[in-house]
Amino acid sequence: YHVVPLPEAGTDSFTFSEHLIKLWVSFIKSGKPSDVYPNVEEWVPFTSQKPSTLVLDLPAENFPDPMKERMEFWKGLN
């Protein structure tokens, strides 16, 4: 059973789903994203000293510390 409906072929959702599957398979096999996202050569590890997020979209992008401003705001309330 599928909890959510499967995307229809040819839609953006279907394309994204295919890309995501290829990306995970490639990452599991080689530790690197596939050529589906040629602008992303690696998944930068997330650490507390150097937070980084891979935003999976069309196209995908690595964002270093994407929530920095938001976190600084909350830290400033102490």
PDB file of N, CA and C in Angstrom:
ATOM      1  N   TYR A   1       0.831  -1.183   0.000  1.00  0.00           N
ATOM      2  CA  TYR A   1       0.000   0.000   0.000  1.00  0.00           C
ATOM      3  C   TYR A   1       0.875   1.245   0.000  1.00  0.00           C
ATOM      4  N   HIS A   2       0.432   2.244  -0.679  1.00  0.00           N
ATOM      5  CA  HIS A   2       1.136   3.526  -0.686  1.00  0.00           C
ATOM      6  C   HIS A   2       0.382   4.501   0.210  1.00  0.00           C
ATOM      7  N   VAL A   3       1.115   5.144   1.097  1.00  0.00           N
ATOM      8  CA  VAL A   3       0.505   6.111   2.008  1.00  0.00           C
ATOM      9  C   VAL A   3       0.103   7.373   1.253  1.00  0.00           C
ATOM     10  N   VAL A   4       0.941   7.754   0.307  1.00  0.00           N
ATOM     11  CA  VAL A   4       0.639   8.924  -0.523  1.00  0.00           C
ATOM     12  C   VAL A   4       0.561   8.468  -1.976  1.00  0.00           C
ATOM     13  N   PRO A   5      -0.172   9.175  -2.800  1.00  0.00           N
ATOM     14  CA  PRO A   5      -0.262   8.765  -4.209  1.00  0.00           C
ATOM     15  C   PRO A   5       1.081   8.904  -4.917  1.00  0.00           C
ATOM     16  N   LEU A   6       1.347   7.993  -5.835  1.00  0.00           N
ATOM     17  CA  LEU A   6       2.570   8.071  -6.628  1.00  0.00           C
ATOM     18  C   LEU A   6       2.453   9.229  -7.614  1.00  0.00           C
ATOM     19  N   PRO A   7       3.563   9.959  -7.850  1.00  0.00           N
ATOM     20  CA  PRO A   7       3.497  11.072  -8.802  1.00  0.00           C
ATOM     21  C   PRO A   7       3.296  10.552 -10.228  1.00  0.00           C
ATOM     22  N   GLU A   8       2.611  11.336 -11.024  1.00  0.00           N
ATOM     23  CA  GLU A   8       2.378  10.962 -12.419  1.00  0.00           C
ATOM     24  C   GLU A   8       3.627  11.232 -13.251  1.00  0.00           C
ATOM     25  N   ALA A   9       3.914  10.322 -14.180  1.00  0.00           N
ATOM     26  CA  ALA A   9       5.068  10.470 -15.070  1.00  0.00           C
ATOM     27  C   ALA A   9       4.991  11.805 -15.805  1.00  0.00           C
ATOM     28  N   GLY A  10       6.161  12.446 -15.934  1.00  0.00           N
ATOM     29  CA  GLY A  10       6.230  13.714 -16.653  1.00  0.00           C
ATOM     30  C   GLY A  10       6.010  14.944 -15.797  1.00  0.00           C
ATOM     31  N   THR A  11       5.595  14.762 -14.536  1.00  0.00           N
ATOM     32  CA  THR A  11       5.382  15.915 -13.656  1.00  0.00           C
ATOM     33  C   THR A  11       6.680  16.266 -12.939  1.00  0.00           C
ATOM     34  N   ASP A  12       6.743  17.472 -12.382  1.00  0.00           N
ATOM     35  CA  ASP A  12       7.916  17.877 -11.598  1.00  0.00           C
ATOM     36  C   ASP A  12       8.117  16.945 -10.410  1.00  0.00           C
ATOM     37  N   SER A  13       7.034  16.519  -9.793  1.00  0.00           N
ATOM     38  CA  SER A  13       7.126  15.609  -8.644  1.00  0.00           C
ATOM     39  C   SER A  13       7.750  14.281  -9.049  1.00  0.00           C
ATOM     40  N   PHE A  14       7.387  13.781 -10.212  1.00  0.00           N
ATOM     41  CA  PHE A  14       7.935  12.522 -10.709  1.00  0.00           C
ATOM     42  C   PHE A  14       9.429  12.676 -10.984  1.00  0.00           C
ATOM     43  N   THR A  15       9.801  13.757 -11.659  1.00  0.00           N
ATOM     44  CA  THR A  15      11.212  14.021 -11.963  1.00  0.00           C
ATOM     45  C   THR A  15      12.019  14.146 -10.681  1.00  0.00           C
ATOM     46  N   PHE A  16      11.500  14.889  -9.710  1.00  0.00           N
ATOM     47  CA  PHE A  16      12.200  15.048  -8.436  1.00  0.00           C
ATOM     48  C   PHE A  16      12.351  13.699  -7.742  1.00  0.00           C
ATOM     49  N   SER A  17      11.308  12.888  -7.751  1.00  0.00           N
ATOM     50  CA  SER A  17      11.347  11.566  -7.134  1.00  0.00           C
ATOM     51  C   SER A  17      12.425  10.698  -7.781  1.00  0.00           C
ATOM     52  N   GLU A  18      12.486  10.703  -9.102  1.00  0.00           N
ATOM     53  CA  GLU A  18      13.522   9.942  -9.806  1.00  0.00           C
ATOM     54  C   GLU A  18      14.918  10.434  -9.436  1.00  0.00           C
ATOM     55  N   HIS A  19      15.096  11.747  -9.405  1.00  0.00           N
ATOM     56  CA  HIS A  19      16.398  12.324  -9.061  1.00  0.00           C
ATOM     57  C   HIS A  19      16.797  11.955  -7.638  1.00  0.00           C
ATOM     58  N   LEU A  20      15.860  12.015  -6.724  1.00  0.00           N
ATOM     59  CA  LEU A  20      16.148  11.702  -5.326  1.00  0.00           C
ATOM     60  C   LEU A  20      16.569  10.244  -5.168  1.00  0.00           C
ATOM     61  N   ILE A  21      15.893   9.348  -5.845  1.00  0.00           N
ATOM     62  CA  ILE A  21      16.260   7.929  -5.785  1.00  0.00           C
ATOM     63  C   ILE A  21      17.665   7.723  -6.341  1.00  0.00           C
ATOM     64  N   LYS A  22      17.957   8.322  -7.498  1.00  0.00           N
ATOM     65  CA  LYS A  22      19.288   8.194  -8.096  1.00  0.00           C
ATOM     66  C   LYS A  22      20.361   8.781  -7.185  1.00  0.00           C
ATOM     67  N   LEU A  23      20.052   9.906  -6.555  1.00  0.00           N
ATOM     68  CA  LEU A  23      21.009  10.551  -5.662  1.00  0.00           C
ATOM     69  C   LEU A  23      21.337   9.648  -4.478  1.00  0.00           C
ATOM     70  N   TRP A  24      20.318   9.079  -3.838  1.00  0.00           N
ATOM     71  CA  TRP A  24      20.547   8.201  -2.684  1.00  0.00           C
ATOM     72  C   TRP A  24      21.317   6.946  -3.076  1.00  0.00           C
ATOM     73  N   VAL A  25      20.959   6.333  -4.194  1.00  0.00           N
ATOM     74  CA  VAL A  25      21.663   5.126  -4.639  1.00  0.00           C
ATOM     75  C   VAL A  25      23.126   5.447  -4.910  1.00  0.00           C
ATOM     76  N   SER A  26      23.378   6.548  -5.604  1.00  0.00           N
ATOM     77  CA  SER A  26      24.748   6.962  -5.885  1.00  0.00           C
ATOM     78  C   SER A  26      25.510   7.248  -4.594  1.00  0.00           C
ATOM     79  N   PHE A  27      24.862   7.936  -3.665  1.00  0.00           N
ATOM     80  CA  PHE A  27      25.515   8.281  -2.396  1.00  0.00           C
ATOM     81  C   PHE A  27      25.843   7.023  -1.595  1.00  0.00           C
ATOM     82  N   ILE A  28      24.941   6.060  -1.587  1.00  0.00           N
ATOM     83  CA  ILE A  28      25.177   4.809  -0.861  1.00  0.00           C
ATOM     84  C   ILE A  28      26.337   4.039  -1.479  1.00  0.00           C
ATOM     85  N   LYS A  29      26.395   4.007  -2.808  1.00  0.00           N
ATOM     86  CA  LYS A  29      27.451   3.257  -3.494  1.00  0.00           C
ATOM     87  C   LYS A  29      28.813   3.935  -3.416  1.00  0.00           C
ATOM     88  N   SER A  30      28.839   5.264  -3.603  1.00  0.00           N
ATOM     89  CA  SER A  30      30.124   5.953  -3.758  1.00  0.00           C
ATOM     90  C   SER A  30      30.406   7.035  -2.725  1.00  0.00           C
ATOM     91  N   GLY A  31      29.386   7.434  -1.961  1.00  0.00           N
ATOM     92  CA  GLY A  31      29.565   8.529  -1.017  1.00  0.00           C
ATOM     93  C   GLY A  31      29.415   9.896  -1.661  1.00  0.00           C
ATOM     94  N   LYS A  32      29.049   9.912  -2.954  1.00  0.00           N
ATOM     95  CA  LYS A  32      28.902  11.178  -3.678  1.00  0.00           C
ATOM     96  C   LYS A  32      27.541  11.227  -4.363  1.00  0.00           C
ATOM     97  N   PRO A  33      26.971  12.440  -4.492  1.00  0.00           N
ATOM     98  CA  PRO A  33      25.728  12.568  -5.252  1.00  0.00           C
ATOM     99  C   PRO A  33      25.966  12.174  -6.712  1.00  0.00           C
ATOM    100  N   SER A  34      24.923  11.808  -7.381  1.00  0.00           N
ATOM    101  CA  SER A  34      25.042  11.385  -8.773  1.00  0.00           C
ATOM    102  C   SER A  34      25.113  12.575  -9.715  1.00  0.00           C
ATOM    103  N   ASP A  35      25.241  12.266 -10.993  1.00  0.00           N
ATOM    104  CA  ASP A  35      25.287  13.326 -12.000  1.00  0.00           C
ATOM    105  C   ASP A  35      23.923  13.966 -12.233  1.00  0.00           C
ATOM    106  N   VAL A  36      22.912  13.534 -11.479  1.00  0.00           N
ATOM    107  CA  VAL A  36      21.601  14.180 -11.548  1.00  0.00           C
ATOM    108  C   VAL A  36      21.734  15.637 -11.120  1.00  0.00           C
ATOM    109  N   TYR A  37      22.621  15.882 -10.154  1.00  0.00           N
ATOM    110  CA  TYR A  37      22.883  17.234  -9.665  1.00  0.00           C
ATOM    111  C   TYR A  37      24.350  17.559  -9.940  1.00  0.00           C
ATOM    112  N   PRO A  38      24.701  17.884 -11.188  1.00  0.00           N
ATOM    113  CA  PRO A  38      26.107  18.092 -11.531  1.00  0.00           C
ATOM    114  C   PRO A  38      26.757  19.262 -10.801  1.00  0.00           C
ATOM    115  N   ASN A  39      25.963  20.202 -10.298  1.00  0.00           N
ATOM    116  CA  ASN A  39      26.547  21.347  -9.592  1.00  0.00           C
ATOM    117  C   ASN A  39      26.896  21.009  -8.143  1.00  0.00           C
ATOM    118  N   VAL A  40      26.543  19.819  -7.672  1.00  0.00           N
ATOM    119  CA  VAL A  40      26.852  19.397  -6.303  1.00  0.00           C
ATOM    120  C   VAL A  40      27.828  18.232  -6.385  1.00  0.00           C
ATOM    121  N   GLU A  41      29.104  18.505  -6.103  1.00  0.00           N
ATOM    122  CA  GLU A  41      30.125  17.471  -6.202  1.00  0.00           C
ATOM    123  C   GLU A  41      30.187  16.590  -4.966  1.00  0.00           C
ATOM    124  N   GLU A  42      29.766  17.113  -3.829  1.00  0.00           N
ATOM    125  CA  GLU A  42      29.795  16.315  -2.606  1.00  0.00           C
ATOM    126  C   GLU A  42      28.732  16.803  -1.642  1.00  0.00           C
ATOM    127  N   TRP A  43      28.381  15.918  -0.735  1.00  0.00           N
ATOM    128  CA  TRP A  43      27.517  16.290   0.365  1.00  0.00           C
ATOM    129  C   TRP A  43      28.442  16.704   1.491  1.00  0.00           C
ATOM    130  N   VAL A  44      28.444  17.965   1.813  1.00  0.00           N
ATOM    131  CA  VAL A  44      29.324  18.474   2.860  1.00  0.00           C
ATOM    132  C   VAL A  44      28.771  18.015   4.207  1.00  0.00           C
ATOM    133  N   PRO A  45      29.590  17.328   5.013  1.00  0.00           N
ATOM    134  CA  PRO A  45      29.106  16.856   6.312  1.00  0.00           C
ATOM    135  C   PRO A  45      28.669  18.016   7.208  1.00  0.00           C
ATOM    136  N   PHE A  46      27.630  17.798   7.981  1.00  0.00           N
ATOM    137  CA  PHE A  46      27.129  18.788   8.927  1.00  0.00           C
ATOM    138  C   PHE A  46      27.858  18.602  10.244  1.00  0.00           C
ATOM    139  N   THR A  47      28.443  19.675  10.758  1.00  0.00           N
ATOM    140  CA  THR A  47      29.043  19.662  12.095  1.00  0.00           C
ATOM    141  C   THR A  47      28.566  20.913  12.819  1.00  0.00           C
ATOM    142  N   SER A  48      28.663  20.901  14.138  1.00  0.00           N
ATOM    143  CA  SER A  48      28.231  22.086  14.882  1.00  0.00           C
ATOM    144  C   SER A  48      29.150  23.278  14.605  1.00  0.00           C
ATOM    145  N   GLN A  49      30.412  23.012  14.273  1.00  0.00           N
ATOM    146  CA  GLN A  49      31.337  24.098  13.961  1.00  0.00           C
ATOM    147  C   GLN A  49      31.141  24.627  12.540  1.00  0.00           C
ATOM    148  N   LYS A  50      30.698  23.762  11.647  1.00  0.00           N
ATOM    149  CA  LYS A  50      30.539  24.153  10.244  1.00  0.00           C
ATOM    150  C   LYS A  50      29.249  23.539   9.697  1.00  0.00           C
ATOM    151  N   PRO A  51      28.094  24.116  10.089  1.00  0.00           N
ATOM    152  CA  PRO A  51      26.836  23.560   9.605  1.00  0.00           C
ATOM    153  C   PRO A  51      26.671  23.785   8.102  1.00  0.00           C
ATOM    154  N   SER A  52      26.172  22.780   7.435  1.00  0.00           N
ATOM    155  CA  SER A  52      25.931  22.876   6.001  1.00  0.00           C
ATOM    156  C   SER A  52      24.705  22.042   5.665  1.00  0.00           C
ATOM    157  N   THR A  53      23.917  22.508   4.726  1.00  0.00           N
ATOM    158  CA  THR A  53      22.702  21.815   4.335  1.00  0.00           C
ATOM    159  C   THR A  53      22.663  21.683   2.821  1.00  0.00           C
ATOM    160  N   LEU A  54      22.359  20.479   2.346  1.00  0.00           N
ATOM    161  CA  LEU A  54      22.154  20.272   0.919  1.00  0.00           C
ATOM    162  C   LEU A  54      20.667  20.411   0.651  1.00  0.00           C
ATOM    163  N   VAL A  55      20.300  21.444  -0.074  1.00  0.00           N
ATOM    164  CA  VAL A  55      18.900  21.686  -0.399  1.00  0.00           C
ATOM    165  C   VAL A  55      18.600  20.952  -1.704  1.00  0.00           C
ATOM    166  N   LEU A  56      17.762  19.938  -1.600  1.00  0.00           N
ATOM    167  CA  LEU A  56      17.415  19.132  -2.768  1.00  0.00           C
ATOM    168  C   LEU A  56      16.253  19.779  -3.495  1.00  0.00           C
ATOM    169  N   ASP A  57      16.573  20.358  -4.601  1.00  0.00           N
ATOM    170  CA  ASP A  57      15.596  21.036  -5.434  1.00  0.00           C
ATOM    171  C   ASP A  57      16.080  20.855  -6.860  1.00  0.00           C
ATOM    172  N   LEU A  58      15.478  21.489  -7.775  1.00  0.00           N
ATOM    173  CA  LEU A  58      15.946  21.456  -9.156  1.00  0.00           C
ATOM    174  C   LEU A  58      16.426  22.844  -9.514  1.00  0.00           C
ATOM    175  N   PRO A  59      17.694  23.193  -9.413  1.00  0.00           N
ATOM    176  CA  PRO A  59      18.846  22.371  -9.070  1.00  0.00           C
ATOM    177  C   PRO A  59      19.093  22.326  -7.565  1.00  0.00           C
ATOM    178  N   ALA A  60      19.914  21.377  -7.140  1.00  0.00           N
ATOM    179  CA  ALA A  60      20.291  21.255  -5.730  1.00  0.00           C
ATOM    180  C   ALA A  60      21.462  22.187  -5.441  1.00  0.00           C
ATOM    181  N   GLU A  61      21.580  22.604  -4.168  1.00  0.00           N
ATOM    182  CA  GLU A  61      22.683  23.486  -3.768  1.00  0.00           C
ATOM    183  C   GLU A  61      23.100  23.175  -2.340  1.00  0.00           C
ATOM    184  N   ASN A  62      24.395  23.320  -2.068  1.00  0.00           N
ATOM    185  CA  ASN A  62      24.902  23.259  -0.700  1.00  0.00           C
ATOM    186  C   ASN A  62      24.829  24.658  -0.111  1.00  0.00           C
ATOM    187  N   PHE A  63      24.271  24.780   1.076  1.00  0.00           N
ATOM    188  CA  PHE A  63      24.200  26.061   1.760  1.00  0.00           C
ATOM    189  C   PHE A  63      24.967  25.968   3.070  1.00  0.00           C
ATOM    190  N   PRO A  64      26.076  26.704   3.190  1.00  0.00           N
ATOM    191  CA  PRO A  64      26.780  26.712   4.470  1.00  0.00           C
ATOM    192  C   PRO A  64      25.986  27.523   5.485  1.00  0.00           C
ATOM    193  N   ASP A  65      25.719  26.907   6.607  1.00  0.00           N
ATOM    194  CA  ASP A  65      25.041  27.570   7.728  1.00  0.00           C
ATOM    195  C   ASP A  65      23.784  28.327   7.294  1.00  0.00           C
ATOM    196  N   PRO A  66      22.787  27.627   6.738  1.00  0.00           N
ATOM    197  CA  PRO A  66      21.613  28.304   6.188  1.00  0.00           C
ATOM    198  C   PRO A  66      20.726  28.997   7.212  1.00  0.00           C
ATOM    199  N   MET A  67      20.860  28.644   8.480  1.00  0.00           N
ATOM    200  CA  MET A  67      19.998  29.240   9.503  1.00  0.00           C
ATOM    201  C   MET A  67      20.779  30.158  10.441  1.00  0.00           C
ATOM    202  N   LYS A  68      21.930  30.624   9.998  1.00  0.00           N
ATOM    203  CA  LYS A  68      22.801  31.418  10.856  1.00  0.00           C
ATOM    204  C   LYS A  68      22.087  32.633  11.441  1.00  0.00           C
ATOM    205  N   GLU A  69      21.421  33.413  10.614  1.00  0.00           N
ATOM    206  CA  GLU A  69      20.749  34.618  11.113  1.00  0.00           C
ATOM    207  C   GLU A  69      19.662  34.264  12.122  1.00  0.00           C
ATOM    208  N   ARG A  70      18.906  33.230  11.837  1.00  0.00           N
ATOM    209  CA  ARG A  70      17.831  32.809  12.737  1.00  0.00           C
ATOM    210  C   ARG A  70      18.406  32.347  14.083  1.00  0.00           C
ATOM    211  N   MET A  71      19.489  31.583  14.036  1.00  0.00           N
ATOM    212  CA  MET A  71      20.102  31.091  15.271  1.00  0.00           C
ATOM    213  C   MET A  71      20.699  32.240  16.087  1.00  0.00           C
ATOM    214  N   GLU A  72      21.318  33.204  15.401  1.00  0.00           N
ATOM    215  CA  GLU A  72      21.875  34.363  16.104  1.00  0.00           C
ATOM    216  C   GLU A  72      20.769  35.142  16.809  1.00  0.00           C
ATOM    217  N   PHE A  73      19.613  35.264  16.175  1.00  0.00           N
ATOM    218  CA  PHE A  73      18.479  35.938  16.797  1.00  0.00           C
ATOM    219  C   PHE A  73      18.110  35.251  18.107  1.00  0.00           C
ATOM    220  N   TRP A  74      17.944  33.928  18.064  1.00  0.00           N
ATOM    221  CA  TRP A  74      17.522  33.194  19.259  1.00  0.00           C
ATOM    222  C   TRP A  74      18.601  33.216  20.341  1.00  0.00           C
ATOM    223  N   LYS A  75      19.863  33.143  19.953  1.00  0.00           N
ATOM    224  CA  LYS A  75      20.951  33.228  20.934  1.00  0.00           C
ATOM    225  C   LYS A  75      20.958  34.592  21.611  1.00  0.00           C
ATOM    226  N   GLY A  76      20.598  35.641  20.869  1.00  0.00           N
ATOM    227  CA  GLY A  76      20.592  36.997  21.401  1.00  0.00           C
ATOM    228  C   GLY A  76      19.505  37.251  22.428  1.00  0.00           C
ATOM    229  N   LEU A  77      18.539  36.370  22.549  1.00  0.00           N
ATOM    230  CA  LEU A  77      17.454  36.547  23.514  1.00  0.00           C
ATOM    231  C   LEU A  77      17.835  36.108  24.923  1.00  0.00           C
ATOM    232  N   ASN A  78      18.961  35.460  25.076  1.00  0.00           N
ATOM    233  CA  ASN A  78      19.386  34.998  26.414  1.00  0.00           C
ATOM    234  C   ASN A  78      19.797  36.134  27.295  1.00  0.00           C
TER     235      ASN A  78
END
